[in-house]
Protein backbone atom coordinates (compact mmCIF):
# COMPACT_ATOMS: atom_id res chain seq x y z
CA MET A 1 -1.11 -55.74 72.94
CA LYS A 2 -1.30 -52.04 71.21
CA ARG A 3 1.84 -51.48 68.43
CA ASN A 4 4.59 -49.04 69.02
CA CYS A 5 6.18 -49.24 65.37
CA ALA A 6 7.99 -46.28 65.25
CA LYS A 7 11.02 -46.36 66.94
CA SER A 8 14.10 -44.03 65.39
CA ILE A 9 17.65 -43.72 66.04
CA ALA A 10 17.33 -40.57 67.74
CA GLY A 11 15.04 -42.27 70.58
CA GLY A 12 17.77 -44.51 70.99
CA ILE A 13 20.09 -42.07 71.41
CA ILE A 14 18.33 -39.98 73.68
CA TRP A 15 18.06 -43.26 76.08
CA VAL A 16 21.54 -43.69 76.44
CA PHE A 17 22.04 -40.45 77.33
CA LEU A 18 19.50 -40.51 80.39
CA LEU A 19 20.98 -43.38 81.16
CA THR A 20 24.43 -42.31 81.63
CA SER A 21 23.35 -39.39 83.50
CA LEU A 22 21.23 -41.52 85.66
CA VAL A 23 23.89 -43.75 86.64
CA SER A 24 26.84 -41.79 86.54
CA GLY A 25 24.75 -39.83 89.19
CA ALA A 26 24.32 -42.92 91.51
CA PRO A 27 26.13 -43.85 94.42
CA ALA A 28 28.66 -46.81 93.26
CA ASP A 29 26.94 -48.97 95.77
CA THR A 30 23.51 -48.51 94.17
CA VAL A 31 21.25 -51.57 93.07
CA ARG A 32 20.45 -51.32 89.19
CA ILE A 33 17.45 -53.15 88.29
CA ALA A 34 16.22 -53.65 84.83
CA CYS A 35 12.97 -53.91 84.03
CA VAL A 36 12.64 -55.34 80.82
CA GLY A 37 9.36 -56.28 78.69
CA ASN A 38 6.52 -55.10 76.48
CA SER A 39 3.37 -52.25 77.31
CA ILE A 40 2.61 -53.79 80.65
CA THR A 41 5.88 -52.88 81.85
CA TYR A 42 6.41 -49.54 79.98
CA GLY A 43 2.75 -48.72 81.25
CA ALA A 44 0.70 -48.60 78.33
CA GLY A 45 -3.10 -46.82 79.34
CA ILE A 46 -1.57 -45.18 82.78
CA THR A 47 -1.82 -41.34 82.65
CA TYR A 48 1.39 -40.44 84.74
CA ARG A 49 3.08 -43.00 82.97
CA ASN A 50 6.62 -41.93 84.33
CA GLU A 51 5.30 -41.67 87.68
CA ASP A 52 2.93 -45.07 87.57
CA SER A 53 4.24 -47.64 85.97
CA TYR A 54 5.29 -50.52 87.82
CA PRO A 55 9.48 -49.93 87.60
CA ALA A 56 8.33 -46.13 88.69
CA GLN A 57 6.61 -47.43 91.80
CA LEU A 58 8.95 -50.34 92.26
CA GLY A 59 11.84 -47.74 92.93
CA LYS A 60 9.94 -45.59 94.80
CA LEU A 61 9.09 -48.50 97.00
CA LEU A 62 12.96 -49.19 97.31
CA GLY A 63 14.10 -45.89 97.87
CA PRO A 64 17.54 -44.22 96.85
CA ASP A 65 19.42 -47.63 97.28
CA TYR A 66 18.27 -48.77 94.00
CA LEU A 67 17.98 -47.30 90.60
CA THR A 68 15.11 -48.52 88.72
CA ALA A 69 14.73 -48.24 85.37
CA ASN A 70 11.95 -49.18 82.61
CA PHE A 71 13.29 -50.92 79.37
CA GLY A 72 9.58 -51.88 78.39
CA VAL A 73 8.85 -51.10 74.87
CA SER A 74 4.80 -51.45 73.55
CA GLY A 75 3.78 -54.31 71.37
CA ARG A 76 7.25 -56.36 71.84
CA THR A 77 7.57 -59.94 71.97
CA MET A 78 10.14 -62.68 73.06
CA LEU A 79 10.17 -64.42 69.79
CA LYS A 80 13.01 -63.45 67.54
CA LYS A 81 10.61 -64.52 64.74
CA GLY A 82 7.40 -62.23 66.02
CA ASP A 83 6.66 -59.28 64.44
CA TYR A 84 7.98 -56.92 66.78
CA PRO A 85 11.19 -58.51 68.65
CA LEU A 86 12.17 -57.02 71.75
CA TRP A 87 15.64 -58.42 70.54
CA ASN A 88 15.72 -55.37 67.78
CA GLU A 89 14.91 -52.45 70.28
CA PRO A 90 17.47 -49.72 71.15
CA GLU A 91 16.33 -50.46 74.61
CA PHE A 92 17.30 -54.01 74.61
CA THR A 93 20.76 -52.81 73.78
CA VAL A 94 20.57 -49.98 76.37
CA ALA A 95 19.48 -52.87 78.75
CA LEU A 96 22.68 -54.22 78.60
CA ASN A 97 24.97 -51.45 78.74
CA PHE A 98 22.87 -50.41 82.11
CA ASN A 99 25.31 -53.34 83.45
CA PRO A 100 22.25 -54.42 86.00
CA ASN A 101 22.45 -56.03 89.16
CA ILE A 102 18.89 -57.42 89.00
CA VAL A 103 16.69 -57.96 85.84
CA LEU A 104 13.21 -58.97 85.37
CA ILE A 105 11.78 -60.03 82.40
CA LEU A 106 8.28 -59.98 81.64
CA LEU A 107 7.63 -61.18 77.97
CA GLY A 108 5.09 -63.18 76.47
CA THR A 109 1.80 -61.65 76.42
CA ASN A 110 2.16 -60.63 72.51
CA ASP A 111 3.64 -64.22 71.84
CA SER A 112 0.73 -65.50 72.50
CA LYS A 113 -0.91 -64.09 69.55
CA PRO A 114 -1.61 -66.50 66.58
CA TRP A 115 0.51 -65.05 64.10
CA ASN A 116 3.33 -64.94 66.56
CA TRP A 117 2.55 -68.54 68.70
CA GLU A 118 2.67 -70.08 65.36
CA PHE A 119 6.45 -70.15 65.93
CA LYS A 120 6.06 -71.66 69.48
CA ALA A 121 9.18 -73.97 69.34
CA ASP A 122 11.40 -70.97 69.48
CA TYR A 123 9.88 -69.29 72.83
CA ILE A 124 12.01 -71.46 74.81
CA PRO A 125 15.28 -70.74 73.26
CA ASP A 126 14.50 -67.36 72.68
CA TYR A 127 14.03 -66.94 76.20
CA ILE A 128 17.01 -68.99 77.17
CA ALA A 129 19.28 -66.97 75.00
CA MET A 130 17.58 -63.74 76.61
CA ILE A 131 19.19 -64.75 79.87
CA ASP A 132 22.46 -65.80 78.77
CA THR A 133 22.91 -62.55 76.83
CA PHE A 134 22.19 -60.76 80.52
CA LYS A 135 24.27 -63.58 82.47
CA GLN A 136 27.57 -62.64 80.23
CA LEU A 137 27.41 -58.83 81.74
CA ALA A 138 30.30 -57.80 84.31
CA SER A 139 27.84 -56.89 86.96
CA ASN A 140 26.62 -60.89 86.89
CA PRO A 141 22.80 -59.90 87.79
CA HIS A 142 20.63 -61.77 89.49
CA ILE A 143 17.63 -62.63 86.55
CA TYR A 144 14.24 -63.03 87.11
CA ALA A 145 11.45 -64.65 84.62
CA CYS A 146 8.51 -63.56 85.31
CA TYR A 147 4.31 -65.37 84.47
CA PRO A 148 2.90 -62.04 82.29
CA PRO A 149 -0.77 -61.16 84.17
CA PRO A 150 -3.89 -62.92 83.28
CA ALA A 151 -5.41 -61.56 79.91
CA PHE A 152 -9.21 -61.38 80.71
CA ARG A 153 -10.23 -61.37 77.41
CA VAL A 154 -9.13 -61.36 73.57
CA GLU A 155 -7.72 -57.95 72.69
CA TRP A 156 -5.31 -57.60 69.92
CA GLY A 157 -4.95 -61.15 69.52
CA ILE A 158 -3.77 -62.00 72.74
CA ARG A 159 -4.91 -65.25 74.64
CA ASP A 160 -5.14 -66.14 78.02
CA SER A 161 -5.65 -69.90 77.08
CA VAL A 162 -2.27 -69.43 75.88
CA ILE A 163 -0.49 -67.71 78.32
CA ASN A 164 -1.63 -70.13 80.62
CA ALA A 165 -1.82 -73.77 78.59
CA ASP A 166 2.08 -72.71 76.73
CA ILE A 167 3.63 -70.14 78.15
CA ILE A 168 3.85 -70.54 81.83
CA PRO A 169 4.28 -74.09 81.65
CA MET A 170 7.11 -73.25 79.35
CA ILE A 171 8.74 -70.33 81.66
CA ASP A 172 8.40 -73.43 84.94
CA GLN A 173 11.09 -75.11 82.21
CA ILE A 174 13.15 -72.18 81.46
CA ILE A 175 14.01 -71.91 85.28
CA SER A 176 14.48 -75.30 85.34
CA GLN A 177 16.63 -75.56 82.86
CA THR A 178 18.66 -72.17 83.98
CA GLY A 179 18.18 -71.66 87.69
CA VAL A 180 17.12 -68.17 87.37
CA SER A 181 14.11 -67.17 89.56
CA LEU A 182 10.77 -66.79 89.54
CA ILE A 183 8.19 -63.77 89.94
CA ASP A 184 4.53 -64.41 89.28
CA PHE A 185 2.19 -61.73 88.06
CA ASN A 186 -0.34 -64.25 87.38
CA THR A 187 -1.52 -66.23 90.20
CA PRO A 188 -2.32 -62.66 92.50
CA PHE A 189 -4.41 -61.61 89.53
CA LYS A 190 -6.93 -64.00 88.63
CA ASN A 191 -9.80 -62.50 90.51
CA GLN A 192 -8.62 -58.72 89.94
CA ALA A 193 -9.74 -57.51 86.45
CA ASP A 194 -10.71 -54.50 87.82
CA LEU A 195 -6.70 -53.48 88.05
CA PHE A 196 -7.10 -54.21 84.35
CA PRO A 197 -9.06 -51.70 82.38
CA ASP A 198 -8.69 -52.99 79.28
CA ALA A 199 -8.04 -56.34 80.01
CA ILE A 200 -4.79 -56.47 78.96
CA HIS A 201 -2.75 -53.79 80.86
CA PRO A 202 -3.07 -52.97 84.11
CA SER A 203 -4.36 -49.71 85.75
CA ALA A 204 -2.10 -47.15 88.19
CA GLU A 205 -3.54 -49.95 91.02
CA GLY A 206 -2.77 -52.77 89.49
CA ALA A 207 0.82 -51.60 88.36
CA CYS A 208 1.22 -50.52 92.55
CA GLU A 209 0.32 -54.17 93.23
CA MET A 210 3.01 -55.47 90.62
CA ALA A 211 5.29 -53.34 92.28
CA LYS A 212 4.69 -54.73 95.71
CA ILE A 213 4.97 -58.14 94.45
CA VAL A 214 8.76 -57.45 93.23
CA TYR A 215 9.32 -55.48 96.72
CA LYS A 216 8.27 -58.36 98.36
CA GLU A 217 10.62 -60.89 96.28
CA LEU A 218 13.61 -58.28 96.68
CA THR A 219 13.15 -57.23 100.21
CA GLY A 220 11.10 -59.95 102.16
CA LYS A 221 9.11 -57.14 103.28
CA THR A 222 5.20 -57.47 103.00
CA VAL A 223 3.92 -54.02 102.09
CA GLN A 224 1.26 -53.69 105.77
CA ARG A 225 -1.60 -51.13 106.52
CA ILE A 226 -1.81 -49.75 110.02
CA LYS A 227 -4.58 -47.20 110.88
CA ASP A 228 -4.02 -44.31 112.06
CA ALA A 229 -5.57 -43.36 115.50
CA ASP A 230 -6.24 -39.58 116.74
CA LEU A 231 -6.55 -40.06 120.57
CA VAL A 232 -8.78 -37.15 121.30
CA ARG A 233 -11.79 -38.21 118.65
CA ARG A 234 -14.98 -37.48 120.23
CA LYS A 235 -13.40 -37.11 123.88
CA THR A 236 -14.78 -34.96 126.75
CA VAL A 237 -13.27 -31.36 126.62
CA GLN A 238 -12.72 -29.37 130.18
CA VAL A 239 -12.46 -26.03 129.22
CA GLN A 240 -10.56 -22.87 131.16
CA THR A 241 -11.17 -19.38 130.14
CA SER A 242 -11.49 -15.90 131.60
CA GLY A 243 -14.60 -15.71 128.88
CA VAL A 244 -17.71 -17.75 127.36
CA SER A 245 -17.09 -21.38 125.34
CA SER A 246 -19.12 -22.19 123.31
CA ASN A 247 -19.21 -25.87 121.50
CA PRO A 248 -15.81 -27.21 123.09
CA GLU A 249 -17.11 -30.79 121.51
CA TYR A 250 -16.31 -29.26 117.99
CA LEU A 251 -12.75 -28.69 118.83
CA VAL A 252 -12.50 -32.81 118.79
CA ASP A 253 -15.75 -34.26 116.75
CA GLY A 254 -13.57 -34.57 113.59
CA ASP A 255 -15.42 -31.93 111.31
CA ARG A 256 -13.57 -29.07 109.80
CA THR A 257 -16.73 -27.11 109.49
CA THR A 258 -17.13 -26.85 113.25
CA GLY A 259 -15.27 -24.92 115.34
CA TRP A 260 -14.91 -24.30 119.24
CA ILE A 261 -15.34 -20.44 120.02
CA CYS A 262 -14.17 -18.56 123.07
CA SER A 263 -14.01 -15.14 124.20
CA GLY A 264 -11.50 -13.90 126.54
CA THR A 265 -7.76 -14.63 126.87
CA ASP A 266 -5.74 -18.03 126.69
CA ASN A 267 -8.54 -20.16 126.66
CA ALA A 268 -7.25 -23.58 127.18
CA ALA A 269 -8.46 -26.77 126.50
CA ILE A 270 -8.05 -29.67 128.00
CA ILE A 271 -8.72 -33.32 126.95
CA ASP A 272 -8.17 -36.99 128.48
CA PHE A 273 -7.26 -40.28 126.26
CA GLY A 274 -8.63 -42.25 129.03
CA VAL A 275 -5.14 -44.37 129.21
CA THR A 276 -1.80 -43.40 128.79
CA GLU A 277 -0.60 -43.50 125.17
CA THR A 278 2.34 -42.49 123.21
CA ILE A 279 1.90 -39.47 121.21
CA ASP A 280 3.95 -38.02 118.41
CA MET A 281 2.07 -34.97 116.35
CA PHE A 282 -0.41 -32.37 117.01
CA GLN A 283 -2.19 -31.15 114.51
CA THR A 284 -4.05 -27.46 115.13
CA ASP A 285 -6.84 -26.03 112.23
CA PHE A 286 -7.69 -22.38 113.05
CA GLY A 287 -10.25 -22.65 110.01
CA ASP A 288 -10.09 -20.36 106.76
CA LEU A 289 -11.30 -17.55 108.24
CA PHE A 290 -8.47 -17.43 110.81
CA ALA A 291 -5.93 -18.59 108.95
CA LEU A 292 -3.24 -16.00 109.37
CA GLY A 293 -2.04 -18.15 112.41
CA TRP A 294 -2.43 -17.66 116.46
CA GLN A 295 0.17 -18.06 119.30
CA TYR A 296 -0.38 -20.71 121.30
CA THR A 297 1.24 -24.05 123.24
CA ILE A 298 0.36 -27.25 123.84
CA GLU A 299 1.31 -29.17 127.46
CA ILE A 300 1.15 -32.94 128.51
CA SER A 301 0.58 -34.31 131.54
CA LEU A 302 0.51 -37.86 132.95
CA ASP A 303 -1.67 -37.01 136.07
CA ALA A 304 -3.37 -34.03 134.93
CA ASN A 305 -1.44 -31.99 138.04
CA ASN A 306 2.23 -32.01 136.59
CA TRP A 307 2.14 -30.28 132.87
CA GLN A 308 5.35 -30.47 130.33
CA MET A 309 5.35 -28.11 127.60
CA VAL A 310 6.26 -29.85 124.75
CA VAL A 311 5.20 -27.51 122.14
CA ASP A 312 5.63 -23.31 122.28
CA GLN A 313 4.47 -21.33 119.56
CA SER A 314 3.36 -18.29 122.41
CA ALA A 315 5.87 -15.83 120.58
CA ARG A 316 5.71 -17.32 116.99
CA GLN A 317 5.56 -14.40 114.52
CA ASP A 318 5.47 -16.29 111.26
CA THR A 319 1.50 -17.39 109.74
CA VAL A 320 0.53 -20.43 108.63
CA GLN A 321 -1.49 -22.17 105.94
CA ARG A 322 -4.66 -22.58 108.13
CA VAL A 323 -3.50 -26.20 109.75
CA ALA A 324 -0.44 -26.10 111.97
CA ILE A 325 1.58 -29.58 112.31
CA ASP A 326 3.41 -29.85 115.42
CA SER A 327 5.70 -33.31 115.72
CA ILE A 328 7.73 -34.20 118.98
CA GLU A 329 9.63 -37.03 120.22
CA PRO A 330 7.61 -40.14 121.06
CA THR A 331 6.23 -39.12 124.79
CA GLU A 332 3.77 -40.71 127.35
CA ALA A 333 0.94 -38.77 128.14
CA ARG A 334 -2.71 -39.12 129.18
CA TYR A 335 -4.03 -35.80 129.12
CA VAL A 336 -3.22 -32.62 126.84
CA LYS A 337 -3.51 -29.27 127.35
CA LEU A 338 -4.40 -26.81 123.93
CA THR A 339 -3.82 -23.00 125.19
CA VAL A 340 -4.53 -20.18 122.36
CA LEU A 341 -2.76 -16.90 123.63
CA ARG A 342 -3.70 -14.17 120.70
CA ALA A 343 -3.46 -13.66 116.86
CA LEU A 344 -0.38 -13.05 115.16
CA GLU A 345 -2.59 -9.98 112.96
CA GLY A 346 -5.21 -8.02 113.44
CA THR A 347 -7.93 -7.92 116.92
CA PHE A 348 -10.26 -10.90 117.22
CA ALA A 349 -12.88 -10.85 120.14
CA SER A 350 -13.51 -14.44 119.86
CA THR A 351 -10.89 -17.59 119.60
CA VAL A 352 -11.55 -19.88 116.96
CA VAL A 353 -10.19 -23.81 116.53
CA ASN A 354 -11.97 -25.63 113.77
CA ASP A 355 -10.16 -29.28 114.92
CA PHE A 356 -7.59 -30.57 117.09
CA ARG A 357 -5.76 -34.01 116.64
CA VAL A 358 -3.27 -35.97 118.63
CA LEU A 359 -2.11 -38.91 117.09
CA ARG A 360 -0.80 -41.77 118.65
CA ALA A 361 3.12 -42.37 117.63
CA ALA A 362 3.38 -44.27 114.02
CA PRO A 363 6.23 -44.59 111.47
CA VAL A 364 4.24 -42.28 109.30
CA HIS A 365 1.16 -40.36 109.38
CA PRO A 366 -1.57 -39.65 106.47
CA PRO A 367 -1.70 -36.28 104.36
CA ILE A 368 -4.09 -33.96 105.39
CA PHE A 369 -7.31 -32.87 102.73
CA LEU A 370 -8.07 -29.05 102.36
CA PHE A 371 -10.29 -28.24 100.51
CA ARG A 372 -11.99 -24.86 99.06
CA PHE A 373 -14.92 -23.90 96.66
CA SER A 374 -13.45 -21.81 93.77
CA ARG A 375 -17.14 -21.31 91.88
CA VAL A 376 -19.94 -22.31 92.60
CA ARG A 377 -23.32 -22.45 90.63
CA ALA A 378 -26.59 -23.64 91.49
CA THR A 379 -26.47 -27.39 90.40
CA SER A 380 -22.35 -27.51 90.53
CA ALA A 381 -19.04 -26.29 92.16
CA VAL A 382 -15.45 -26.53 91.28
CA PHE A 383 -13.33 -26.87 94.16
CA GLU A 384 -9.22 -26.91 94.55
CA MET A 385 -8.04 -29.02 97.42
CA ASP A 386 -4.64 -28.63 98.95
CA VAL A 387 -3.19 -32.22 99.94
CA LEU A 388 -0.74 -31.25 102.32
CA PRO A 389 2.02 -34.11 103.62
CA VAL A 390 2.61 -34.22 107.38
CA SER A 391 5.54 -36.69 108.79
CA LYS A 392 8.87 -36.77 108.26
CA LYS A 393 11.33 -37.04 105.19
CA GLY A 394 11.60 -39.95 102.91
CA GLU A 395 7.88 -41.25 102.44
CA LEU A 396 5.69 -41.44 100.06
CA ILE A 397 2.01 -40.87 99.41
CA LYS A 398 -1.18 -42.71 97.72
CA LEU A 399 -4.66 -40.53 97.08
CA TYR A 400 -8.11 -42.58 96.42
CA ARG A 401 -11.04 -41.20 95.52
CA ALA A 402 -14.68 -42.52 95.14
CA SER A 403 -17.27 -40.83 93.68
CA LYS A 404 -20.82 -42.54 94.93
CA PRO A 405 -21.66 -43.81 98.70
CA ASP A 406 -21.22 -47.48 97.97
CA GLU A 407 -18.51 -46.92 95.25
CA PRO A 408 -14.80 -48.28 96.64
CA PHE A 409 -12.10 -46.01 96.13
CA THR A 410 -9.86 -45.87 93.40
CA ALA A 411 -6.06 -44.60 93.17
CA LEU A 412 -6.06 -40.87 91.65
CA LYS A 413 -2.32 -41.47 91.60
CA SER A 414 -0.13 -44.07 93.14
CA TYR A 415 2.95 -43.55 95.00
CA ARG A 416 4.58 -39.99 94.93
CA GLN A 417 7.13 -37.97 96.80
CA ALA A 418 5.24 -36.46 99.83
CA ILE A 419 5.19 -33.42 98.79
CA PRO A 420 2.62 -30.31 98.58
CA ASP A 421 0.13 -31.17 95.74
CA GLN A 422 -2.94 -29.50 94.94
CA ILE A 423 -6.36 -31.16 92.98
CA ARG A 424 -8.99 -29.40 91.24
CA ALA A 425 -11.91 -31.38 91.14
CA SER A 426 -16.10 -30.61 89.38
CA ILE A 427 -18.82 -31.83 91.46
CA ARG A 428 -22.39 -31.39 90.54
CA ASN A 429 -25.93 -31.04 92.46
CA GLU A 430 -26.45 -34.13 94.41
CA SER A 431 -23.52 -35.78 93.88
CA LEU A 432 -20.58 -36.54 96.29
CA LEU A 433 -16.72 -37.02 95.78
CA LYS A 434 -14.91 -38.96 98.83
CA PHE A 435 -11.04 -38.65 98.96
CA MET A 436 -8.46 -40.72 101.14
CA GLY A 437 -4.81 -40.17 101.62
CA LEU A 438 -2.37 -43.39 102.79
CA ALA A 439 1.49 -42.21 103.73
CA PHE A 440 4.51 -45.29 102.79
CA LYS A 441 7.08 -45.75 104.80
CA ASP A 442 9.52 -48.84 104.91
CA ASP A 443 6.70 -52.19 105.28
CA LEU A 444 3.98 -50.12 106.22
CA GLU A 445 1.04 -48.18 104.92
CA ILE A 446 -0.36 -46.26 107.22
CA VAL A 447 -4.47 -45.34 106.69
CA SER A 448 -5.53 -42.08 106.97
CA ASP A 449 -8.26 -42.63 110.42
CA ASP A 450 -11.12 -40.74 108.49
CA THR A 451 -11.79 -39.74 104.59
CA LEU A 452 -12.81 -36.10 103.51
CA VAL A 453 -16.39 -36.49 102.29
CA VAL A 454 -17.78 -33.36 99.85
CA ASN A 455 -21.27 -33.45 99.13
CA TRP A 456 -22.25 -30.71 97.14
CA ALA A 457 -25.85 -30.01 96.65
CA MET A 458 -27.56 -26.68 97.39
CA THR A 459 -30.75 -28.35 98.48
CA GLY A 460 -28.55 -31.36 99.71
CA VAL A 461 -28.04 -32.68 103.26
CA LYS A 462 -24.47 -34.19 105.06
CA THR A 463 -25.31 -36.63 107.64
CA LYS A 464 -23.07 -37.23 110.39
CA ALA A 465 -23.86 -40.70 112.22
CA HIS A 466 -24.64 -40.43 116.13
CA ALA A 467 -23.95 -43.36 118.77
CA GLY A 468 -27.37 -41.96 119.65
CA PRO A 469 -30.10 -39.48 119.48
CA ALA A 470 -28.91 -36.18 119.61
CA ARG A 471 -30.16 -34.19 123.12
CA ASP A 472 -32.24 -31.72 121.38
CA PHE A 473 -33.14 -30.15 118.12
CA ARG A 474 -30.31 -27.18 117.92
CA LEU A 475 -29.92 -25.14 115.03
CA ASN A 476 -25.56 -24.19 114.70
CA GLN A 477 -24.09 -20.65 113.77
CA ASN A 478 -23.00 -21.35 109.86
CA PHE A 479 -19.37 -21.68 109.04
CA PRO A 480 -17.54 -19.83 107.97
CA ASN A 481 -18.76 -16.48 109.21
CA PRO A 482 -18.36 -14.03 107.34
CA PHE A 483 -18.28 -16.43 104.12
CA ASN A 484 -17.40 -16.21 100.83
CA PRO A 485 -18.77 -17.67 98.30
CA VAL A 486 -20.10 -20.94 100.52
CA THR A 487 -21.23 -21.74 104.02
CA SER A 488 -22.14 -24.62 105.74
CA ILE A 489 -25.32 -24.26 108.06
CA SER A 490 -25.33 -27.60 110.52
CA PHE A 491 -27.96 -28.43 113.06
CA VAL A 492 -28.95 -31.03 115.15
CA LEU A 493 -32.30 -33.02 115.56
CA ASN A 494 -32.96 -35.31 118.22
CA HIS A 495 -35.81 -37.49 116.13
CA SER A 496 -37.07 -37.80 112.79
CA ALA A 497 -38.56 -34.53 111.17
CA PRO A 498 -39.70 -32.86 108.02
CA VAL A 499 -36.92 -29.77 107.68
CA THR A 500 -36.78 -26.55 105.74
CA ILE A 501 -33.79 -23.63 106.00
CA GLU A 502 -35.02 -20.17 104.98
CA ILE A 503 -32.99 -17.57 103.93
CA PHE A 504 -33.87 -14.00 104.58
CA ASP A 505 -32.07 -10.34 103.83
CA LEU A 506 -31.91 -7.88 106.16
CA THR A 507 -35.21 -5.95 105.57
CA GLY A 508 -37.03 -9.85 106.02
CA ARG A 509 -37.76 -10.62 102.40
CA LEU A 510 -37.48 -14.40 101.94
CA VAL A 511 -34.56 -14.74 99.29
CA HIS A 512 -34.38 -18.75 99.34
CA ARG A 513 -36.12 -21.63 100.34
CA LEU A 514 -34.21 -24.99 100.32
CA ARG A 515 -35.70 -27.74 99.60
CA GLY A 516 -37.96 -29.43 102.72
CA GLN A 517 -37.42 -32.89 103.41
CA THR A 518 -37.70 -35.50 106.22
CA LEU A 519 -34.38 -35.98 108.37
CA ALA A 520 -33.74 -38.72 110.45
CA ALA A 521 -32.37 -37.93 113.59
CA GLY A 522 -28.46 -36.85 114.54
CA SER A 523 -26.40 -33.90 113.00
CA HIS A 524 -26.97 -32.64 109.71
CA CYS A 525 -25.14 -29.82 107.39
CA ILE A 526 -26.28 -28.33 103.84
CA PHE A 527 -24.02 -25.44 101.49
CA TRP A 528 -25.46 -22.40 100.48
CA ASN A 529 -23.74 -20.08 98.11
CA GLY A 530 -25.21 -16.65 98.48
CA ARG A 531 -27.65 -16.88 95.54
CA ASP A 532 -31.29 -17.15 95.45
CA ALA A 533 -33.65 -19.11 94.15
CA THR A 534 -33.18 -18.22 90.27
CA ASP A 535 -29.13 -18.63 90.78
CA ARG A 536 -28.59 -15.10 90.84
CA ILE A 537 -25.77 -13.97 93.41
CA LEU A 538 -27.21 -11.72 95.94
CA PRO A 539 -25.46 -9.01 97.12
CA GLY A 540 -23.08 -8.83 100.25
CA GLY A 541 -24.79 -7.70 103.78
CA ILE A 542 -26.47 -9.53 106.32
CA TYR A 543 -28.75 -12.51 105.92
CA PHE A 544 -30.61 -14.69 108.27
CA TYR A 545 -31.30 -18.25 108.04
CA ARG A 546 -34.34 -20.12 109.89
CA LEU A 547 -34.47 -23.73 110.32
CA GLN A 548 -38.05 -25.13 111.10
CA ALA A 549 -38.13 -28.60 112.19
CA GLY A 550 -41.86 -30.05 112.22
CA GLU A 551 -43.83 -28.11 113.85
CA SER A 552 -42.53 -27.52 117.28
CA PHE A 553 -38.88 -26.12 116.64
CA SER A 554 -37.69 -22.97 114.75
CA ALA A 555 -34.60 -20.73 115.33
CA VAL A 556 -33.17 -18.20 113.42
CA ARG A 557 -29.75 -16.90 112.97
CA LYS A 558 -27.70 -14.02 111.29
CA MET A 559 -24.64 -14.67 108.99
CA VAL A 560 -22.30 -12.21 106.99
CA PHE A 561 -21.87 -12.68 103.19
CA LEU A 562 -18.60 -10.83 101.85
CA LYS A 563 -18.54 -9.70 98.17
């Protein structure tokens, strides 16, 4: 375990000042938890230690009725004759002054080093002495002795053989003699080496699992996952409009790059869930092009005849960021009607809604991912992603990412306050990024119904699985249109075929040919970044794109590149 030898009086003074501020600002009935330990408690190796160490995550899980303080110091031992005893550190004195109601002692990993374990005869007496020191406090704390996590290889002299053969049995003896409680950080991680990147210290995700173990012990609650449900996903959409409707199925396909387009006024979409459901939230995505906001209403019904207005934004004047989020009290419904009235600014001949979600009532809903490309080259792209919390006050969110189709998700950060966040990421040609968001409340984690997949390749293709073959070949309108700097071109194949996409300028000159390849039946999407085959940025204006699928199908559509 990494040594942290440089300790200063000033550091101890700062600790006392911060601790005094925390305690004085906490309500009188707040439960104070002291996490005493070494670098595993401290959070060594975790990028955002103050947010993602196990004590920090435990504090978030427990909520405002608890005050959790981290008294971990890297490299420290329980043994008073060890190389760096915790007994000698200012943090130990501050932990006593904290007057905790609960104490978690996690020490023994550094004691297993050969030069420390030669004093193993003192381990039990020294451990009992620390327990007795905390027992003498006026707060009369409940004390937990903790099994150290496994050491997955010998590092810094730390030996898992000693932890298992000597230290854990000694902790059992200590518990028997003193009557303190046990928290087992060893058994649950026996086959979880992936949560300990350097074989000794937990990652943020590993620290999250440690926090969950303590959370269950203190509250009796087990963190469970339930799946968020979008009740209109891939349902049939019935349109009511005075004009022309295009692709109403795109309203509920779960793809934010496609959209339902209507001309005329008071365009309404009616969707049948199929059965009566209890709902509590609507998410309406108006897309980047029309993010200035729309006036709209949402009604629900049990029989499609008697309608109840639950969201009335017909007179609103405030603009919104792309997605409008409307929460209601849990209400039973079978049908929902979204009516889009008019844009708040400007005059548009068509209504465009990229996505509409109706969510089954749940304690909390996962965040929304929205991304936009900020810089694009021939073989790479940098994008910014906004993470929007959607639910009520008091939740935490958790973000995951993966960079390969078959790669498991890993935590970007663990539990954090549910506030808007932004992530910048870079992806290269033929690479892929997946993001998943979870939200946490009480003893439940809500898993996002789907994940955001960013598949950047100027000649790459993103495929969406279909329940069966598409009905015909189809070339869709690019989105967004107009665009800058990137647009998506989607199309549908009814059977496997060689595909080529070509880009022409207004004079009919071929400016770029996207590499042809044979694709399976289903929906596909490519991205184009407004550059020619030499990676030169093309001038703004009108362009045409042509899909050639096999020998029998060819289609052309127009798009506008804004500069």
